[in-house]
């Protein structure tokens, strides 16, 4: 349960889950309880629990699998190096770069195709 200690609730939850992982009660490969179950267990909102799990993801202690859940990372697995983007981040960066290039082309085409009509004035 989350206590009123001045420390944010999501950090309290992350600390507790981290202790369970390091203590072995959440073994490598084991799934974390669902967000709903964790929210009930800690008497916290879903968003607070998601923040806590996000902290553990950032630390490389857990890994999410879309549609399957969040699992304790095996210590033998190499977490991403600090500053090294995950594959999701790399994909997002590539998509943004592609969209930026496409937008620049569209803007260029609009600039060259837009001309003022002679003889027209605005009053």
Protein backbone atom coordinates (compact mmCIF):
# COMPACT_ATOMS: atom_id res chain seq x y z
CA UNK A 1 0.00 0.00 0.00
CA UNK A 2 1.20 3.50 -0.80
CA UNK A 3 2.02 5.63 2.24
CA UNK A 4 1.92 9.37 2.67
CA UNK A 5 5.65 9.85 3.14
CA UNK A 6 6.26 12.75 0.78
CA UNK A 7 7.74 10.40 -1.80
CA UNK A 8 5.57 10.13 -4.94
CA UNK A 9 3.37 7.03 -4.98
CA UNK A 10 4.79 5.78 -8.28
CA UNK A 11 8.31 5.78 -6.81
CA UNK A 12 7.12 3.88 -3.73
CA UNK A 13 5.55 1.24 -5.98
CA UNK A 14 8.65 1.08 -8.19
CA UNK A 15 10.83 0.68 -5.08
CA UNK A 16 8.67 -2.18 -3.81
CA UNK A 17 8.59 -3.99 -7.16
CA UNK A 18 12.34 -3.46 -7.57
CA UNK A 19 12.92 -5.01 -4.14
CA UNK A 20 10.75 -8.00 -5.12
CA UNK A 21 12.74 -8.45 -8.34
CA UNK A 22 16.11 -8.18 -6.61
CA UNK A 23 14.91 -10.36 -3.73
CA UNK A 24 13.81 -13.11 -6.11
CA UNK A 25 10.10 -13.14 -5.33
CA UNK A 26 9.61 -11.88 -8.89
CA UNK A 27 11.90 -14.21 -10.82
CA UNK A 28 13.43 -13.54 -14.25
CA UNK A 29 10.85 -14.22 -16.93
CA UNK A 30 7.96 -13.96 -14.47
CA UNK A 31 5.11 -11.68 -15.47
CA UNK A 32 4.25 -8.70 -13.33
CA UNK A 33 0.65 -8.68 -12.15
CA UNK A 34 -1.67 -6.73 -14.44
CA UNK A 35 -1.88 -2.97 -14.07
CA UNK A 36 -5.36 -3.39 -12.58
CA UNK A 37 -4.16 -5.92 -9.99
CA UNK A 38 -1.20 -3.74 -9.06
CA UNK A 39 -3.50 -0.73 -8.70
CA UNK A 40 -5.70 -2.74 -6.34
CA UNK A 41 -2.72 -4.13 -4.43
CA UNK A 42 -1.19 -0.69 -3.86
CA UNK A 43 -4.51 1.17 -3.64
CA UNK A 44 -3.33 3.50 -6.40
CA UNK A 45 -4.65 4.72 -9.74
CA UNK A 46 -3.82 2.98 -13.01
CA UNK A 47 -1.76 5.96 -14.15
CA UNK A 48 0.38 5.83 -11.00
CA UNK A 49 1.02 2.11 -11.52
CA UNK A 50 1.91 2.72 -15.18
CA UNK A 51 4.43 5.36 -14.12
CA UNK A 52 5.99 2.92 -11.63
CA UNK A 53 6.30 0.20 -14.28
CA UNK A 54 7.75 2.81 -16.64
CA UNK A 55 10.50 3.52 -14.12
CA UNK A 56 11.37 -0.18 -14.01
CA UNK A 57 11.38 -0.33 -17.83
CA UNK A 58 13.75 2.61 -17.98
CA UNK A 59 16.03 0.87 -15.49
CA UNK A 60 15.98 -2.27 -17.65
CA UNK A 61 14.49 -4.45 -14.91
CA UNK A 62 11.32 -5.32 -16.84
CA UNK A 63 10.35 -5.56 -20.48
CA UNK A 64 6.93 -5.20 -22.04
CA UNK A 65 5.54 -7.45 -24.74
CA UNK A 66 2.64 -5.92 -26.62
CA UNK A 67 -0.56 -7.78 -25.84
CA UNK A 68 1.15 -10.19 -23.45
CA UNK A 69 2.21 -8.17 -20.45
CA UNK A 70 5.29 -6.96 -18.63
CA UNK A 71 7.94 -9.47 -17.60
CA UNK A 72 10.96 -9.41 -15.33
CA UNK A 73 14.04 -9.14 -17.50
CA UNK A 74 16.58 -11.93 -17.19
CA UNK A 75 19.75 -10.50 -15.64
CA UNK A 76 21.75 -12.29 -18.36
CA UNK A 77 19.96 -10.25 -21.03
CA UNK A 78 21.82 -7.10 -21.94
CA UNK A 79 19.65 -4.02 -21.36
CA UNK A 80 20.07 -1.13 -23.80
CA UNK A 81 23.15 0.94 -23.02
CA UNK A 82 22.57 4.35 -21.50
CA UNK A 83 21.72 6.80 -24.24
CA UNK A 84 21.18 4.02 -26.78
CA UNK A 85 17.69 4.26 -28.27
CA UNK A 86 15.41 1.28 -28.05
CA UNK A 87 14.12 -0.17 -31.31
CA UNK A 88 10.80 1.62 -30.76
CA UNK A 89 12.52 4.98 -30.36
CA UNK A 90 14.67 4.33 -33.41
CA UNK A 91 11.58 3.47 -35.45
CA UNK A 92 9.82 6.63 -34.27
CA UNK A 93 12.84 8.77 -35.15
CA UNK A 94 12.97 7.25 -38.63
CA UNK A 95 9.24 7.87 -39.12
CA UNK A 96 9.58 11.51 -38.04
CA UNK A 97 12.53 12.04 -40.40
CA UNK A 98 10.54 10.49 -43.27
CA UNK A 99 7.51 12.66 -42.52
CA UNK A 100 9.69 15.77 -42.30
CA UNK A 101 11.21 15.06 -45.71
CA UNK A 102 7.78 14.43 -47.23
CA UNK A 103 6.38 17.63 -45.71
CA UNK A 104 9.30 19.64 -47.08
CA UNK A 105 8.54 18.31 -50.58
CA UNK A 106 4.85 19.20 -50.27
CA UNK A 107 5.70 22.70 -49.03
CA UNK A 108 8.14 23.13 -51.92
CA UNK A 109 5.51 22.04 -54.44
CA UNK A 110 2.96 24.43 -52.94
CA UNK A 111 5.42 27.31 -53.03
CA UNK A 112 6.23 26.79 -56.71
CA UNK A 113 2.63 26.19 -57.79
CA UNK A 114 1.18 29.19 -55.97
CA UNK A 115 1.46 32.34 -58.02
CA UNK A 116 -0.41 35.59 -57.83
CA UNK A 117 -2.85 36.33 -60.59
CA UNK A 118 -2.06 39.61 -62.34
CA UNK A 119 -4.68 42.33 -62.30
CA UNK A 120 -6.21 41.33 -58.99
CA UNK A 121 -5.90 43.54 -55.97
CA UNK A 122 -7.42 43.31 -52.56
CA UNK A 123 -9.33 46.25 -51.17
